[in-house]
């Protein structure tokens, strides 16, 4: 179960690292986007799993 959380948290990393490399955005902004989008994915997955359980 921990591996699933780690994978879900790292999914947005590729997208936002690409954005960081292409667009001139601040490092802090890219880091916050990665962390918050990963958190949103995990929370959404937990809610959907709870609904369908």
PDB file of N, CA and C in Angstrom:
ATOM      1  N   UNK A   1       0.816  -1.189   0.000  1.00  0.00           N
ATOM      2  CA  UNK A   1       0.000   0.000   0.000  1.00  0.00           C
ATOM      3  C   UNK A   1       0.861   1.255   0.000  1.00  0.00           C
ATOM      4  N   UNK A   2       1.981   1.223   0.688  1.00  0.00           N
ATOM      5  CA  UNK A   2       2.875   2.367   0.735  1.00  0.00           C
ATOM      6  C   UNK A   2       3.461   2.657  -0.643  1.00  0.00           C
ATOM      7  N   UNK A   3       3.737   1.600  -1.415  1.00  0.00           N
ATOM      8  CA  UNK A   3       4.275   1.799  -2.759  1.00  0.00           C
ATOM      9  C   UNK A   3       3.264   2.510  -3.642  1.00  0.00           C
ATOM     10  N   UNK A   4       1.985   2.208  -3.464  1.00  0.00           N
ATOM     11  CA  UNK A   4       0.951   2.864  -4.258  1.00  0.00           C
ATOM     12  C   UNK A   4       0.897   4.354  -3.944  1.00  0.00           C
ATOM     13  N   UNK A   5       1.047   4.705  -2.665  1.00  0.00           N
ATOM     14  CA  UNK A   5       1.053   6.116  -2.292  1.00  0.00           C
ATOM     15  C   UNK A   5       2.266   6.820  -2.882  1.00  0.00           C
ATOM     16  N   UNK A   6       3.400   6.154  -2.860  1.00  0.00           N
ATOM     17  CA  UNK A   6       4.618   6.754  -3.408  1.00  0.00           C
ATOM     18  C   UNK A   6       4.480   6.983  -4.907  1.00  0.00           C
ATOM     19  N   UNK A   7       3.924   6.013  -5.597  1.00  0.00           N
ATOM     20  CA  UNK A   7       3.734   6.159  -7.040  1.00  0.00           C
ATOM     21  C   UNK A   7       2.741   7.279  -7.328  1.00  0.00           C
ATOM     22  N   UNK A   8       1.650   7.317  -6.590  1.00  0.00           N
ATOM     23  CA  UNK A   8       0.641   8.364  -6.802  1.00  0.00           C
ATOM     24  C   UNK A   8       1.204   9.744  -6.503  1.00  0.00           C
ATOM     25  N   UNK A   9       2.071   9.828  -5.537  1.00  0.00           N
ATOM     26  CA  UNK A   9       2.654  11.124  -5.189  1.00  0.00           C
ATOM     27  C   UNK A   9       3.677  11.577  -6.230  1.00  0.00           C
ATOM     28  N   UNK A  10       4.317  10.636  -6.922  1.00  0.00           N
ATOM     29  CA  UNK A  10       5.349  10.996  -7.890  1.00  0.00           C
ATOM     30  C   UNK A  10       4.822  11.161  -9.309  1.00  0.00           C
ATOM     31  N   UNK A  11       3.586  10.790  -9.558  1.00  0.00           N
ATOM     32  CA  UNK A  11       3.021  10.921 -10.905  1.00  0.00           C
ATOM     33  C   UNK A  11       3.084  12.367 -11.406  1.00  0.00           C
ATOM     34  N   UNK A  12       2.675  13.352 -10.619  1.00  0.00           N
ATOM     35  CA  UNK A  12       2.726  14.728 -11.135  1.00  0.00           C
ATOM     36  C   UNK A  12       4.144  15.285 -11.258  1.00  0.00           C
ATOM     37  N   UNK A  13       5.125  14.610 -10.673  1.00  0.00           N
ATOM     38  CA  UNK A  13       6.494  15.130 -10.703  1.00  0.00           C
ATOM     39  C   UNK A  13       7.010  15.263 -12.130  1.00  0.00           C
ATOM     40  N   UNK A  14       6.756  14.271 -12.976  1.00  0.00           N
ATOM     41  CA  UNK A  14       7.247  14.338 -14.351  1.00  0.00           C
ATOM     42  C   UNK A  14       6.645  15.517 -15.097  1.00  0.00           C
ATOM     43  N   UNK A  15       5.367  15.749 -14.890  1.00  0.00           N
ATOM     44  CA  UNK A  15       4.693  16.858 -15.572  1.00  0.00           C
ATOM     45  C   UNK A  15       5.256  18.207 -15.124  1.00  0.00           C
ATOM     46  N   UNK A  16       5.377  18.394 -13.831  1.00  0.00           N
ATOM     47  CA  UNK A  16       5.803  19.702 -13.339  1.00  0.00           C
ATOM     48  C   UNK A  16       7.303  19.921 -13.481  1.00  0.00           C
ATOM     49  N   UNK A  17       8.097  18.854 -13.499  1.00  0.00           N
ATOM     50  CA  UNK A  17       9.526  19.020 -13.784  1.00  0.00           C
ATOM     51  C   UNK A  17       9.718  19.450 -15.233  1.00  0.00           C
ATOM     52  N   UNK A  18       8.897  18.901 -16.132  1.00  0.00           N
ATOM     53  CA  UNK A  18       8.935  19.341 -17.523  1.00  0.00           C
ATOM     54  C   UNK A  18       8.540  20.802 -17.627  1.00  0.00           C
ATOM     55  N   UNK A  19       7.468  21.195 -16.944  1.00  0.00           N
ATOM     56  CA  UNK A  19       7.061  22.599 -16.937  1.00  0.00           C
ATOM     57  C   UNK A  19       8.189  23.483 -16.405  1.00  0.00           C
ATOM     58  N   UNK A  20       8.851  23.026 -15.348  1.00  0.00           N
ATOM     59  CA  UNK A  20       9.933  23.802 -14.737  1.00  0.00           C
ATOM     60  C   UNK A  20      11.096  23.972 -15.717  1.00  0.00           C
ATOM     61  N   UNK A  21      11.359  22.933 -16.512  1.00  0.00           N
ATOM     62  CA  UNK A  21      12.466  23.003 -17.461  1.00  0.00           C
ATOM     63  C   UNK A  21      12.144  23.896 -18.653  1.00  0.00           C
ATOM     64  N   UNK A  22      10.870  23.930 -19.060  1.00  0.00           N
ATOM     65  CA  UNK A  22      10.489  24.669 -20.258  1.00  0.00           C
ATOM     66  C   UNK A  22      10.088  26.109 -19.938  1.00  0.00           C
ATOM     67  N   UNK A  23       9.276  26.285 -18.916  1.00  0.00           N
ATOM     68  CA  UNK A  23       8.793  27.612 -18.561  1.00  0.00           C
ATOM     69  C   UNK A  23       9.654  28.217 -17.459  1.00  0.00           C
ATOM     70  N   UNK A  24       9.843  29.503 -17.486  1.00  0.00           N
ATOM     71  CA  UNK A  24      10.617  30.135 -16.412  1.00  0.00           C
ATOM     72  C   UNK A  24       9.749  30.367 -15.166  1.00  0.00           C
ATOM     73  N   UNK A  25       9.524  29.315 -14.381  1.00  0.00           N
ATOM     74  CA  UNK A  25       8.779  29.455 -13.133  1.00  0.00           C
ATOM     75  C   UNK A  25       9.731  29.233 -11.966  1.00  0.00           C
ATOM     76  N   UNK A  26       9.345  29.715 -10.828  1.00  0.00           N
ATOM     77  CA  UNK A  26      10.189  29.603  -9.644  1.00  0.00           C
ATOM     78  C   UNK A  26      10.258  28.151  -9.165  1.00  0.00           C
ATOM     79  N   UNK A  27      11.376  27.805  -8.574  1.00  0.00           N
ATOM     80  CA  UNK A  27      11.581  26.457  -8.041  1.00  0.00           C
ATOM     81  C   UNK A  27      10.541  26.135  -6.975  1.00  0.00           C
ATOM     82  N   UNK A  28      10.255  27.098  -6.100  1.00  0.00           N
ATOM     83  CA  UNK A  28       9.276  26.887  -5.032  1.00  0.00           C
ATOM     84  C   UNK A  28       7.887  26.595  -5.592  1.00  0.00           C
ATOM     85  N   UNK A  29       7.521  27.296  -6.649  1.00  0.00           N
ATOM     86  CA  UNK A  29       6.220  27.070  -7.270  1.00  0.00           C
ATOM     87  C   UNK A  29       6.127  25.667  -7.851  1.00  0.00           C
ATOM     88  N   UNK A  30       7.160  25.216  -8.538  1.00  0.00           N
ATOM     89  CA  UNK A  30       7.165  23.868  -9.105  1.00  0.00           C
ATOM     90  C   UNK A  30       7.087  22.816  -7.993  1.00  0.00           C
ATOM     91  N   UNK A  31       7.809  23.031  -6.916  1.00  0.00           N
ATOM     92  CA  UNK A  31       7.794  22.094  -5.792  1.00  0.00           C
ATOM     93  C   UNK A  31       6.412  22.040  -5.142  1.00  0.00           C
ATOM     94  N   UNK A  32       5.787  23.181  -4.939  1.00  0.00           N
ATOM     95  CA  UNK A  32       4.442  23.209  -4.353  1.00  0.00           C
ATOM     96  C   UNK A  32       3.427  22.532  -5.268  1.00  0.00           C
ATOM     97  N   UNK A  33       3.564  22.739  -6.570  1.00  0.00           N
ATOM     98  CA  UNK A  33       2.652  22.094  -7.511  1.00  0.00           C
ATOM     99  C   UNK A  33       2.787  20.577  -7.442  1.00  0.00           C
ATOM    100  N   UNK A  34       4.007  20.082  -7.368  1.00  0.00           N
ATOM    101  CA  UNK A  34       4.237  18.634  -7.287  1.00  0.00           C
ATOM    102  C   UNK A  34       3.632  18.073  -6.005  1.00  0.00           C
ATOM    103  N   UNK A  35       3.899  18.716  -4.886  1.00  0.00           N
ATOM    104  CA  UNK A  35       3.417  18.216  -3.596  1.00  0.00           C
ATOM    105  C   UNK A  35       1.897  18.272  -3.484  1.00  0.00           C
ATOM    106  N   UNK A  36       1.313  19.380  -3.890  1.00  0.00           N
ATOM    107  CA  UNK A  36      -0.135  19.526  -3.747  1.00  0.00           C
ATOM    108  C   UNK A  36      -0.904  18.675  -4.756  1.00  0.00           C
ATOM    109  N   UNK A  37      -0.395  18.528  -5.966  1.00  0.00           N
ATOM    110  CA  UNK A  37      -1.067  17.679  -6.941  1.00  0.00           C
ATOM    111  C   UNK A  37      -0.957  16.211  -6.521  1.00  0.00           C
ATOM    112  N   UNK A  38       0.179  15.816  -5.972  1.00  0.00           N
ATOM    113  CA  UNK A  38       0.318  14.451  -5.458  1.00  0.00           C
ATOM    114  C   UNK A  38      -0.635  14.186  -4.310  1.00  0.00           C
ATOM    115  N   UNK A  39      -0.783  15.159  -3.438  1.00  0.00           N
ATOM    116  CA  UNK A  39      -1.731  15.043  -2.325  1.00  0.00           C
ATOM    117  C   UNK A  39      -3.161  14.941  -2.835  1.00  0.00           C
ATOM    118  N   UNK A  40      -3.492  15.731  -3.841  1.00  0.00           N
ATOM    119  CA  UNK A  40      -4.846  15.693  -4.414  1.00  0.00           C
ATOM    120  C   UNK A  40      -5.133  14.330  -5.040  1.00  0.00           C
ATOM    121  N   UNK A  41      -4.165  13.755  -5.711  1.00  0.00           N
ATOM    122  CA  UNK A  41      -4.351  12.432  -6.314  1.00  0.00           C
ATOM    123  C   UNK A  41      -4.596  11.377  -5.235  1.00  0.00           C
ATOM    124  N   UNK A  42      -3.812  11.427  -4.166  1.00  0.00           N
ATOM    125  CA  UNK A  42      -3.969  10.455  -3.085  1.00  0.00           C
ATOM    126  C   UNK A  42      -5.327  10.603  -2.413  1.00  0.00           C
ATOM    127  N   UNK A  43      -5.732  11.830  -2.107  1.00  0.00           N
ATOM    128  CA  UNK A  43      -7.032  12.047  -1.466  1.00  0.00           C
ATOM    129  C   UNK A  43      -8.184  11.608  -2.361  1.00  0.00           C
ATOM    130  N   UNK A  44      -8.095  11.897  -3.641  1.00  0.00           N
ATOM    131  CA  UNK A  44      -9.128  11.466  -4.576  1.00  0.00           C
ATOM    132  C   UNK A  44      -9.203   9.949  -4.634  1.00  0.00           C
ATOM    133  N   UNK A  45      -8.065   9.297  -4.668  1.00  0.00           N
ATOM    134  CA  UNK A  45      -8.044   7.834  -4.700  1.00  0.00           C
ATOM    135  C   UNK A  45      -8.646   7.238  -3.428  1.00  0.00           C
ATOM    136  N   UNK A  46      -8.372   7.843  -2.278  1.00  0.00           N
ATOM    137  CA  UNK A  46      -8.928   7.344  -1.026  1.00  0.00           C
ATOM    138  C   UNK A  46     -10.445   7.512  -0.983  1.00  0.00           C
ATOM    139  N   UNK A  47     -10.946   8.636  -1.471  1.00  0.00           N
ATOM    140  CA  UNK A  47     -12.378   8.876  -1.493  1.00  0.00           C
ATOM    141  C   UNK A  47     -13.073   7.895  -2.427  1.00  0.00           C
ATOM    142  N   UNK A  48     -12.514   7.703  -3.619  1.00  0.00           N
ATOM    143  CA  UNK A  48     -13.117   6.763  -4.576  1.00  0.00           C
ATOM    144  C   UNK A  48     -13.071   5.343  -4.037  1.00  0.00           C
ATOM    145  N   UNK A  49     -11.971   4.967  -3.392  1.00  0.00           N
ATOM    146  CA  UNK A  49     -11.868   3.622  -2.818  1.00  0.00           C
ATOM    147  C   UNK A  49     -12.890   3.443  -1.698  1.00  0.00           C
ATOM    148  N   UNK A  50     -13.106   4.465  -0.924  1.00  0.00           N
ATOM    149  CA  UNK A  50     -14.094   4.396   0.164  1.00  0.00           C
ATOM    150  C   UNK A  50     -15.520   4.278  -0.388  1.00  0.00           C
ATOM    151  N   UNK A  51     -15.806   4.976  -1.463  1.00  0.00           N
ATOM    152  CA  UNK A  51     -17.134   4.923  -2.069  1.00  0.00           C
ATOM    153  C   UNK A  51     -17.413   3.533  -2.633  1.00  0.00           C
ATOM    154  N   UNK A  52     -16.441   2.961  -3.301  1.00  0.00           N
ATOM    155  CA  UNK A  52     -16.652   1.682  -3.969  1.00  0.00           C
ATOM    156  C   UNK A  52     -16.346   0.470  -3.107  1.00  0.00           C
ATOM    157  N   UNK A  53     -16.031   0.682  -1.846  1.00  0.00           N
ATOM    158  CA  UNK A  53     -15.717  -0.443  -0.968  1.00  0.00           C
ATOM    159  C   UNK A  53     -16.949  -1.127  -0.461  1.00  0.00           C
TER     160      UNK A  53
END
